[in-house]
């Protein structure tokens, strides 16, 4: 399982979300558990500047290449 959270996410706060994910995964039978907090990313995994909800529509980036790379590398490593 790959869990990603943006550290500038105002809807799902990483510092509150990640501990719950870690706790649930410790109780699970999931063998692969990768959890990452991505720097300067909002809820939509956009590289943000102001990192406000209003900024979502102002950003040209629809999805961060950094987040996409994390997902692609994880899938390449664990999904065959």
C-alpha atoms as a PDB file:
ATOM      1  CA  UNK A   1       0.000   0.000   0.000  1.00  0.00           C
ATOM      2  CA  UNK A   2       1.220   3.456  -0.893  1.00  0.00           C
ATOM      3  CA  UNK A   3      -0.209   6.364   1.086  1.00  0.00           C
ATOM      4  CA  UNK A   4       0.622   9.881  -0.046  1.00  0.00           C
ATOM      5  CA  UNK A   5      -0.279  13.124   1.677  1.00  0.00           C
ATOM      6  CA  UNK A   6       0.686  16.676   0.834  1.00  0.00           C
ATOM      7  CA  UNK A   7       2.207  18.610   3.690  1.00  0.00           C
ATOM      8  CA  UNK A   8       0.208  21.695   2.641  1.00  0.00           C
ATOM      9  CA  UNK A   9      -3.101  19.810   2.336  1.00  0.00           C
ATOM     10  CA  UNK A  10      -5.759  21.809   4.195  1.00  0.00           C
ATOM     11  CA  UNK A  11      -8.484  19.177   3.792  1.00  0.00           C
ATOM     12  CA  UNK A  12      -6.616  16.090   5.013  1.00  0.00           C
ATOM     13  CA  UNK A  13      -3.967  17.315   7.441  1.00  0.00           C
ATOM     14  CA  UNK A  14      -0.882  15.093   7.123  1.00  0.00           C
ATOM     15  CA  UNK A  15       0.069  15.348  10.799  1.00  0.00           C
ATOM     16  CA  UNK A  16      -3.403  14.067  11.745  1.00  0.00           C
ATOM     17  CA  UNK A  17      -3.868  11.596   8.886  1.00  0.00           C
ATOM     18  CA  UNK A  18      -0.554   9.737   8.769  1.00  0.00           C
ATOM     19  CA  UNK A  19      -0.600   8.399  12.363  1.00  0.00           C
ATOM     20  CA  UNK A  20      -4.018   6.810  11.729  1.00  0.00           C
ATOM     21  CA  UNK A  21      -2.789   5.189   8.535  1.00  0.00           C
ATOM     22  CA  UNK A  22       0.314   3.852  10.299  1.00  0.00           C
ATOM     23  CA  UNK A  23      -1.778   2.462  13.142  1.00  0.00           C
ATOM     24  CA  UNK A  24      -4.204   0.720  10.793  1.00  0.00           C
ATOM     25  CA  UNK A  25      -1.393  -0.737   8.711  1.00  0.00           C
ATOM     26  CA  UNK A  26       0.360  -2.143  11.791  1.00  0.00           C
ATOM     27  CA  UNK A  27      -2.791  -4.156  12.480  1.00  0.00           C
ATOM     28  CA  UNK A  28      -3.197  -5.252   8.870  1.00  0.00           C
ATOM     29  CA  UNK A  29      -1.654  -8.063   6.882  1.00  0.00           C
ATOM     30  CA  UNK A  30      -0.312  -5.651   4.273  1.00  0.00           C
ATOM     31  CA  UNK A  31       3.346  -6.471   3.685  1.00  0.00           C
ATOM     32  CA  UNK A  32       4.371  -3.440   1.657  1.00  0.00           C
ATOM     33  CA  UNK A  33       3.593  -0.224   3.492  1.00  0.00           C
ATOM     34  CA  UNK A  34       5.017   2.975   2.094  1.00  0.00           C
ATOM     35  CA  UNK A  35       3.818   6.259   3.536  1.00  0.00           C
ATOM     36  CA  UNK A  36       5.142   9.573   2.275  1.00  0.00           C
ATOM     37  CA  UNK A  37       4.381  13.206   2.934  1.00  0.00           C
ATOM     38  CA  UNK A  38       5.128  15.281  -0.141  1.00  0.00           C
ATOM     39  CA  UNK A  39       6.548  18.768   0.361  1.00  0.00           C
ATOM     40  CA  UNK A  40       4.608  21.830  -0.785  1.00  0.00           C
ATOM     41  CA  UNK A  41       1.688  19.788  -2.135  1.00  0.00           C
ATOM     42  CA  UNK A  42      -1.969  20.605  -1.623  1.00  0.00           C
ATOM     43  CA  UNK A  43      -4.937  18.220  -1.459  1.00  0.00           C
ATOM     44  CA  UNK A  44      -4.955  17.815  -5.246  1.00  0.00           C
ATOM     45  CA  UNK A  45      -1.225  17.017  -5.315  1.00  0.00           C
ATOM     46  CA  UNK A  46      -0.432  20.322  -6.958  1.00  0.00           C
ATOM     47  CA  UNK A  47       2.747  22.210  -6.112  1.00  0.00           C
ATOM     48  CA  UNK A  48       1.243  25.182  -4.335  1.00  0.00           C
ATOM     49  CA  UNK A  49       2.439  28.656  -3.470  1.00  0.00           C
ATOM     50  CA  UNK A  50      -0.279  30.133  -1.228  1.00  0.00           C
ATOM     51  CA  UNK A  51      -1.627  26.642  -0.527  1.00  0.00           C
ATOM     52  CA  UNK A  52      -5.190  27.829  -0.056  1.00  0.00           C
ATOM     53  CA  UNK A  53      -8.387  26.244  -1.357  1.00  0.00           C
ATOM     54  CA  UNK A  54      -8.934  29.248  -3.623  1.00  0.00           C
ATOM     55  CA  UNK A  55      -5.564  28.618  -5.260  1.00  0.00           C
ATOM     56  CA  UNK A  56      -6.635  25.239  -6.715  1.00  0.00           C
ATOM     57  CA  UNK A  57      -8.103  26.829  -9.826  1.00  0.00           C
ATOM     58  CA  UNK A  58      -5.305  29.374 -10.170  1.00  0.00           C
ATOM     59  CA  UNK A  59      -2.507  26.847 -10.563  1.00  0.00           C
ATOM     60  CA  UNK A  60      -1.544  25.688 -14.043  1.00  0.00           C
ATOM     61  CA  UNK A  61      -0.277  22.364 -12.724  1.00  0.00           C
ATOM     62  CA  UNK A  62      -3.091  19.810 -12.621  1.00  0.00           C
ATOM     63  CA  UNK A  63      -1.052  17.078 -10.891  1.00  0.00           C
ATOM     64  CA  UNK A  64       2.506  17.325  -9.638  1.00  0.00           C
ATOM     65  CA  UNK A  65       5.176  15.460 -11.602  1.00  0.00           C
ATOM     66  CA  UNK A  66       6.804  14.707  -8.238  1.00  0.00           C
ATOM     67  CA  UNK A  67       3.670  12.937  -6.972  1.00  0.00           C
ATOM     68  CA  UNK A  68       3.270  11.129 -10.278  1.00  0.00           C
ATOM     69  CA  UNK A  69       6.889   9.968 -10.109  1.00  0.00           C
ATOM     70  CA  UNK A  70       6.375   8.613  -6.571  1.00  0.00           C
ATOM     71  CA  UNK A  71       3.354   6.647  -7.735  1.00  0.00           C
ATOM     72  CA  UNK A  72       5.021   5.393 -10.903  1.00  0.00           C
ATOM     73  CA  UNK A  73       8.160   4.247  -9.093  1.00  0.00           C
ATOM     74  CA  UNK A  74       6.116   2.471  -6.418  1.00  0.00           C
ATOM     75  CA  UNK A  75       3.968   0.703  -9.004  1.00  0.00           C
ATOM     76  CA  UNK A  76       7.016  -0.308 -11.036  1.00  0.00           C
ATOM     77  CA  UNK A  77       8.622  -1.765  -7.921  1.00  0.00           C
ATOM     78  CA  UNK A  78       5.662  -3.659  -6.464  1.00  0.00           C
ATOM     79  CA  UNK A  79       3.126  -4.353  -9.218  1.00  0.00           C
ATOM     80  CA  UNK A  80       4.088  -6.854 -11.842  1.00  0.00           C
END
